[in-house]
């Protein structure tokens, strides 16, 4: 798939959700098709696509999308496995993603708090 046919996106996370935003001028509901699966996501808008195997599983039936002006907003409900709820990337082969977090340090286990502080201080 060429870069011109891929959707450009931004994402961030909380302890429970992944939020994806895609800027699309003059977006219309009829142009959007989104397929949620526990380990896979496909977003099609007109002739552009974003798809791949997700970094960790989601609750597909609890995930949803909406339009906010010219932004397509997608909310993925995370499956929490022990205290491993932070994702390093959105897709397994993600080259575009970032690791933006809106998680309070107090939400993490003591072990995870120490790992986060160590990672933040030395990277």
N, C-alpha and C. Protein backbone atom coordinates (compact mmCIF):
# COMPACT_ATOMS: atom_id res chain seq x y z
N UNK A 1 0.85 -1.17 0.00
CA UNK A 1 0.00 0.00 0.00
C UNK A 1 0.90 1.24 0.00
N UNK A 2 0.65 2.16 -0.91
CA UNK A 2 1.47 3.38 -0.99
C UNK A 2 1.13 4.32 0.16
N UNK A 3 2.06 5.22 0.47
CA UNK A 3 1.83 6.19 1.55
C UNK A 3 0.65 7.10 1.26
N UNK A 4 0.36 7.36 -0.03
CA UNK A 4 -0.74 8.24 -0.39
C UNK A 4 -2.10 7.61 -0.09
N UNK A 5 -2.16 6.28 -0.03
CA UNK A 5 -3.44 5.62 0.25
C UNK A 5 -3.61 5.28 1.74
N UNK A 6 -2.66 5.66 2.56
CA UNK A 6 -2.76 5.41 4.00
C UNK A 6 -3.32 6.64 4.71
N UNK A 7 -4.09 6.39 5.74
CA UNK A 7 -4.61 7.46 6.57
C UNK A 7 -3.54 7.87 7.59
N UNK A 8 -3.34 9.17 7.74
CA UNK A 8 -2.42 9.68 8.76
C UNK A 8 -3.22 9.90 10.03
N UNK A 9 -2.63 9.55 11.14
CA UNK A 9 -3.38 9.59 12.40
C UNK A 9 -2.48 9.98 13.57
N UNK A 10 -3.14 10.34 14.66
CA UNK A 10 -2.49 10.56 15.95
C UNK A 10 -3.21 9.68 16.95
N UNK A 11 -2.50 9.23 17.97
CA UNK A 11 -3.17 8.44 19.00
C UNK A 11 -2.58 8.72 20.36
N UNK A 12 -3.42 8.50 21.36
CA UNK A 12 -3.00 8.63 22.75
C UNK A 12 -3.75 7.59 23.55
N UNK A 13 -3.35 7.43 24.80
CA UNK A 13 -3.98 6.39 25.60
C UNK A 13 -4.19 6.84 27.03
N UNK A 14 -5.18 6.21 27.63
CA UNK A 14 -5.41 6.31 29.07
C UNK A 14 -5.25 4.88 29.59
N UNK A 15 -5.60 4.66 30.82
CA UNK A 15 -5.47 3.29 31.33
C UNK A 15 -6.51 2.36 30.71
N UNK A 16 -7.62 2.89 30.21
CA UNK A 16 -8.71 2.05 29.69
C UNK A 16 -8.93 2.13 28.18
N UNK A 17 -8.52 3.24 27.57
CA UNK A 17 -8.84 3.46 26.16
C UNK A 17 -7.63 3.89 25.34
N UNK A 18 -7.70 3.59 24.06
CA UNK A 18 -6.83 4.17 23.04
C UNK A 18 -7.71 5.12 22.26
N UNK A 19 -7.26 6.35 22.07
CA UNK A 19 -8.01 7.35 21.29
C UNK A 19 -7.21 7.67 20.03
N UNK A 20 -7.85 7.48 18.90
CA UNK A 20 -7.22 7.74 17.60
C UNK A 20 -7.95 8.90 16.96
N UNK A 21 -7.20 9.86 16.43
CA UNK A 21 -7.83 10.97 15.70
C UNK A 21 -7.23 11.06 14.30
N UNK A 22 -8.11 11.25 13.34
CA UNK A 22 -7.72 11.34 11.93
C UNK A 22 -8.40 12.58 11.35
N UNK A 23 -7.58 13.50 10.86
CA UNK A 23 -8.12 14.72 10.24
C UNK A 23 -8.52 14.41 8.81
N UNK A 24 -9.80 14.66 8.51
CA UNK A 24 -10.33 14.44 7.15
C UNK A 24 -11.28 15.59 6.84
N UNK A 25 -10.86 16.53 5.98
CA UNK A 25 -11.73 17.66 5.65
C UNK A 25 -13.03 17.18 5.00
N UNK A 26 -14.12 17.82 5.35
CA UNK A 26 -15.44 17.53 4.77
C UNK A 26 -15.84 16.06 4.89
N UNK A 27 -15.53 15.46 6.02
CA UNK A 27 -15.83 14.04 6.24
C UNK A 27 -17.34 13.82 6.32
N UNK A 28 -17.78 12.69 5.77
CA UNK A 28 -19.19 12.32 5.78
C UNK A 28 -19.30 10.88 6.29
N UNK A 29 -20.34 10.61 7.04
CA UNK A 29 -20.53 9.27 7.60
C UNK A 29 -20.51 8.20 6.53
N UNK A 30 -21.11 8.46 5.39
CA UNK A 30 -21.19 7.44 4.33
C UNK A 30 -19.83 7.06 3.77
N UNK A 31 -18.80 7.88 4.00
CA UNK A 31 -17.45 7.60 3.49
C UNK A 31 -16.63 6.73 4.44
N UNK A 32 -17.18 6.41 5.62
CA UNK A 32 -16.41 5.73 6.66
C UNK A 32 -16.84 4.28 6.82
N UNK A 33 -15.85 3.41 6.91
CA UNK A 33 -16.11 2.00 7.24
C UNK A 33 -15.03 1.57 8.23
N UNK A 34 -15.46 1.09 9.39
CA UNK A 34 -14.52 0.68 10.43
C UNK A 34 -14.86 -0.74 10.87
N UNK A 35 -13.83 -1.58 10.90
CA UNK A 35 -13.97 -2.97 11.31
C UNK A 35 -13.15 -3.19 12.58
N UNK A 36 -13.83 -3.38 13.71
CA UNK A 36 -13.17 -3.65 14.99
C UNK A 36 -13.13 -5.16 15.21
N UNK A 37 -11.97 -5.69 15.52
CA UNK A 37 -11.83 -7.08 15.95
C UNK A 37 -10.91 -7.08 17.16
N UNK A 38 -10.94 -8.13 17.98
CA UNK A 38 -10.13 -8.10 19.21
C UNK A 38 -8.64 -7.82 19.00
N UNK A 39 -8.05 -8.25 17.89
CA UNK A 39 -6.62 -8.01 17.66
C UNK A 39 -6.35 -7.29 16.32
N UNK A 40 -7.39 -6.74 15.72
CA UNK A 40 -7.23 -6.16 14.37
C UNK A 40 -8.16 -4.96 14.21
N UNK A 41 -7.67 -3.96 13.49
CA UNK A 41 -8.47 -2.77 13.21
C UNK A 41 -8.28 -2.37 11.76
N UNK A 42 -9.40 -2.09 11.08
CA UNK A 42 -9.35 -1.58 9.71
C UNK A 42 -10.26 -0.36 9.63
N UNK A 43 -9.67 0.76 9.20
CA UNK A 43 -10.40 2.01 9.03
C UNK A 43 -10.28 2.40 7.56
N UNK A 44 -11.42 2.53 6.88
CA UNK A 44 -11.43 2.95 5.48
C UNK A 44 -12.23 4.24 5.38
N UNK A 45 -11.64 5.22 4.73
CA UNK A 45 -12.32 6.49 4.47
C UNK A 45 -12.04 6.84 3.02
N UNK A 46 -13.11 6.80 2.22
CA UNK A 46 -12.99 7.02 0.77
C UNK A 46 -11.96 6.03 0.22
N UNK A 47 -10.87 6.51 -0.35
CA UNK A 47 -9.87 5.62 -0.95
C UNK A 47 -8.64 5.43 -0.07
N UNK A 48 -8.72 5.83 1.21
CA UNK A 48 -7.58 5.70 2.13
C UNK A 48 -7.90 4.68 3.21
N UNK A 49 -6.84 3.96 3.64
CA UNK A 49 -7.03 2.87 4.60
C UNK A 49 -5.95 2.91 5.67
N UNK A 50 -6.35 2.54 6.87
CA UNK A 50 -5.43 2.30 7.98
C UNK A 50 -5.84 0.95 8.55
N UNK A 51 -4.93 -0.01 8.57
CA UNK A 51 -5.28 -1.32 9.08
C UNK A 51 -4.05 -2.03 9.60
N UNK A 52 -4.30 -2.98 10.49
CA UNK A 52 -3.21 -3.80 10.98
C UNK A 52 -3.58 -4.54 12.24
N UNK A 53 -2.64 -5.42 12.65
CA UNK A 53 -2.79 -6.17 13.88
C UNK A 53 -2.46 -5.24 15.04
N UNK A 54 -3.36 -5.15 15.99
CA UNK A 54 -3.18 -4.28 17.14
C UNK A 54 -2.10 -4.80 18.07
N UNK A 55 -1.45 -3.88 18.76
CA UNK A 55 -0.36 -4.21 19.66
C UNK A 55 -0.83 -5.12 20.80
N UNK A 56 -2.03 -4.86 21.32
CA UNK A 56 -2.64 -5.68 22.36
C UNK A 56 -4.13 -5.78 22.04
N UNK A 57 -4.85 -6.72 22.68
CA UNK A 57 -6.27 -6.90 22.35
C UNK A 57 -7.17 -5.77 22.87
N UNK A 58 -8.32 -5.65 22.19
CA UNK A 58 -9.35 -4.69 22.58
C UNK A 58 -10.68 -5.43 22.75
N UNK A 59 -11.61 -4.76 23.42
CA UNK A 59 -13.00 -5.23 23.46
C UNK A 59 -13.67 -4.60 22.24
N UNK A 60 -13.83 -5.37 21.20
CA UNK A 60 -14.36 -4.83 19.95
C UNK A 60 -15.79 -4.31 20.09
N UNK A 61 -16.62 -4.96 20.90
CA UNK A 61 -18.01 -4.53 21.04
C UNK A 61 -18.16 -3.28 21.91
N UNK A 62 -17.12 -2.92 22.64
CA UNK A 62 -17.14 -1.71 23.47
C UNK A 62 -16.39 -0.55 22.81
N UNK A 63 -15.81 -0.79 21.66
CA UNK A 63 -15.08 0.25 20.93
C UNK A 63 -16.06 0.97 20.00
N UNK A 64 -15.78 2.24 19.71
CA UNK A 64 -16.72 3.03 18.92
C UNK A 64 -15.99 4.17 18.21
N UNK A 65 -16.74 4.87 17.34
CA UNK A 65 -16.19 6.02 16.63
C UNK A 65 -17.26 7.10 16.51
N UNK A 66 -16.77 8.32 16.26
CA UNK A 66 -17.68 9.45 16.04
C UNK A 66 -16.92 10.52 15.25
N UNK A 67 -17.67 11.49 14.75
CA UNK A 67 -17.09 12.61 14.01
C UNK A 67 -17.20 13.87 14.85
N UNK A 68 -16.11 14.61 14.93
CA UNK A 68 -16.08 15.89 15.64
C UNK A 68 -15.51 16.92 14.67
N UNK A 69 -16.38 17.69 14.03
CA UNK A 69 -15.99 18.62 12.96
C UNK A 69 -15.29 17.84 11.85
N UNK A 70 -14.03 18.12 11.56
CA UNK A 70 -13.30 17.40 10.51
C UNK A 70 -12.41 16.29 11.06
N UNK A 71 -12.69 15.85 12.27
CA UNK A 71 -11.90 14.78 12.89
C UNK A 71 -12.74 13.51 13.02
N UNK A 72 -12.17 12.41 12.54
CA UNK A 72 -12.74 11.10 12.82
C UNK A 72 -12.08 10.62 14.11
N UNK A 73 -12.88 10.37 15.13
CA UNK A 73 -12.38 9.95 16.44
C UNK A 73 -12.76 8.49 16.67
N UNK A 74 -11.77 7.68 17.05
CA UNK A 74 -11.99 6.27 17.30
C UNK A 74 -11.53 5.95 18.71
N UNK A 75 -12.38 5.29 19.48
CA UNK A 75 -12.07 4.92 20.86
C UNK A 75 -12.02 3.40 20.95
N UNK A 76 -10.85 2.88 21.29
CA UNK A 76 -10.67 1.44 21.44
C UNK A 76 -10.64 1.11 22.94
N UNK A 77 -11.50 0.21 23.36
CA UNK A 77 -11.55 -0.22 24.75
C UNK A 77 -10.52 -1.32 24.97
N UNK A 78 -9.54 -1.06 25.82
CA UNK A 78 -8.43 -2.00 26.04
C UNK A 78 -8.87 -3.20 26.88
N UNK A 79 -8.32 -4.36 26.53
CA UNK A 79 -8.39 -5.53 27.40
C UNK A 79 -7.20 -5.41 28.33
N UNK A 80 -7.45 -5.33 29.62
CA UNK A 80 -6.37 -5.15 30.59
C UNK A 80 -5.91 -6.51 31.08
N UNK A 81 -4.65 -6.81 30.85
CA UNK A 81 -4.05 -8.06 31.29
C UNK A 81 -3.09 -7.71 32.42
N UNK A 82 -3.44 -8.08 33.62
CA UNK A 82 -2.72 -7.72 34.86
C UNK A 82 -2.53 -6.21 34.88
N UNK A 83 -1.32 -5.72 35.12
CA UNK A 83 -1.10 -4.27 35.15
C UNK A 83 -0.38 -3.79 33.89
N UNK A 84 -0.44 -4.58 32.84
CA UNK A 84 0.21 -4.24 31.57
C UNK A 84 -0.77 -3.51 30.66
N UNK A 85 -1.17 -2.29 31.04
CA UNK A 85 -2.17 -1.61 30.23
C UNK A 85 -1.60 -0.52 29.33
N UNK A 86 -0.33 -0.18 29.44
CA UNK A 86 0.25 0.81 28.53
C UNK A 86 0.73 0.13 27.25
N UNK A 87 0.36 0.71 26.14
CA UNK A 87 0.78 0.19 24.85
C UNK A 87 2.00 0.98 24.38
N UNK A 88 2.97 0.29 23.80
CA UNK A 88 4.14 0.96 23.23
C UNK A 88 3.84 1.54 21.86
N UNK A 89 2.89 0.93 21.17
CA UNK A 89 2.50 1.38 19.84
C UNK A 89 1.08 0.92 19.56
N UNK A 90 0.49 1.44 18.52
CA UNK A 90 -0.89 1.10 18.18
C UNK A 90 -0.96 -0.24 17.45
N UNK A 91 -0.14 -0.40 16.44
CA UNK A 91 -0.12 -1.63 15.64
C UNK A 91 1.22 -2.35 15.86
N UNK A 92 1.21 -3.66 15.66
CA UNK A 92 2.43 -4.46 15.81
C UNK A 92 3.57 -3.87 14.96
N UNK A 93 3.29 -3.54 13.72
CA UNK A 93 4.31 -3.01 12.80
C UNK A 93 4.21 -1.50 12.64
N UNK A 94 3.85 -0.81 13.70
CA UNK A 94 3.61 0.64 13.65
C UNK A 94 4.92 1.42 13.51
N UNK A 95 4.99 2.25 12.49
CA UNK A 95 6.14 3.13 12.30
C UNK A 95 5.75 4.58 12.59
N UNK A 96 4.44 4.85 12.62
CA UNK A 96 3.96 6.22 12.77
C UNK A 96 3.59 6.56 14.20
N UNK A 97 3.24 5.59 14.99
CA UNK A 97 2.66 5.84 16.30
C UNK A 97 3.57 6.51 17.31
N UNK A 98 2.93 7.07 18.30
CA UNK A 98 3.63 7.69 19.42
C UNK A 98 3.13 7.05 20.70
N UNK A 99 3.79 7.33 21.78
CA UNK A 99 3.33 6.79 23.06
C UNK A 99 2.93 7.95 23.96
N UNK A 100 1.82 8.54 23.65
CA UNK A 100 1.25 9.60 24.48
C UNK A 100 0.38 8.95 25.54
N UNK A 101 0.50 9.40 26.75
CA UNK A 101 -0.26 8.81 27.85
C UNK A 101 -0.99 9.87 28.65
N UNK A 102 -2.15 9.51 29.12
CA UNK A 102 -2.84 10.35 30.09
C UNK A 102 -3.22 9.47 31.28
N UNK A 103 -2.22 8.74 31.77
CA UNK A 103 -2.40 7.84 32.89
C UNK A 103 -1.79 8.48 34.13
N UNK A 104 -2.52 8.44 35.22
CA UNK A 104 -1.97 8.96 36.46
C UNK A 104 -1.01 7.92 37.03
N UNK A 105 0.11 8.39 37.53
CA UNK A 105 1.10 7.49 38.11
C UNK A 105 0.47 6.64 39.22
N UNK A 106 -0.46 7.20 39.95
CA UNK A 106 -1.10 6.47 41.05
C UNK A 106 -1.96 5.30 40.56
N UNK A 107 -2.31 5.28 39.26
CA UNK A 107 -3.09 4.17 38.71
C UNK A 107 -2.22 2.94 38.47
N UNK A 108 -0.91 3.13 38.48
CA UNK A 108 0.00 2.03 38.20
C UNK A 108 0.37 1.29 39.48
N UNK A 109 0.73 0.01 39.32
CA UNK A 109 1.26 -0.73 40.46
C UNK A 109 2.59 -0.11 40.86
N UNK A 110 3.05 -0.41 42.06
CA UNK A 110 4.32 0.16 42.52
C UNK A 110 5.45 -0.24 41.59
N UNK A 111 5.45 -1.48 41.12
CA UNK A 111 6.48 -1.95 40.18
C UNK A 111 6.44 -1.13 38.90
N UNK A 112 5.25 -0.92 38.35
CA UNK A 112 5.12 -0.15 37.11
C UNK A 112 5.50 1.31 37.32
N UNK A 113 5.18 1.86 38.49
CA UNK A 113 5.58 3.24 38.79
C UNK A 113 7.10 3.37 38.73
N UNK A 114 7.80 2.42 39.31
CA UNK A 114 9.26 2.45 39.31
C UNK A 114 9.81 2.30 37.89
N UNK A 115 9.22 1.40 37.10
CA UNK A 115 9.66 1.22 35.71
C UNK A 115 9.43 2.50 34.91
N UNK A 116 8.28 3.13 35.10
CA UNK A 116 7.95 4.34 34.38
C UNK A 116 8.92 5.46 34.73
N UNK A 117 9.16 5.66 36.02
CA UNK A 117 10.07 6.71 36.47
C UNK A 117 11.47 6.46 35.93
N UNK A 118 11.93 5.22 36.00
CA UNK A 118 13.26 4.87 35.48
C UNK A 118 13.34 5.13 33.97
N UNK A 119 12.31 4.69 33.24
CA UNK A 119 12.27 4.89 31.79
C UNK A 119 12.24 6.38 31.45
N UNK A 120 11.43 7.14 32.18
CA UNK A 120 11.31 8.59 31.94
C UNK A 120 12.62 9.32 32.23
N UNK A 121 13.29 8.92 33.29
CA UNK A 121 14.51 9.62 33.69
C UNK A 121 15.70 9.30 32.78
N UNK A 122 15.75 8.10 32.24
CA UNK A 122 16.94 7.68 31.52
C UNK A 122 16.74 7.55 30.01
N UNK A 123 15.56 7.86 29.50
CA UNK A 123 15.33 7.79 28.04
C UNK A 123 14.79 9.09 27.52
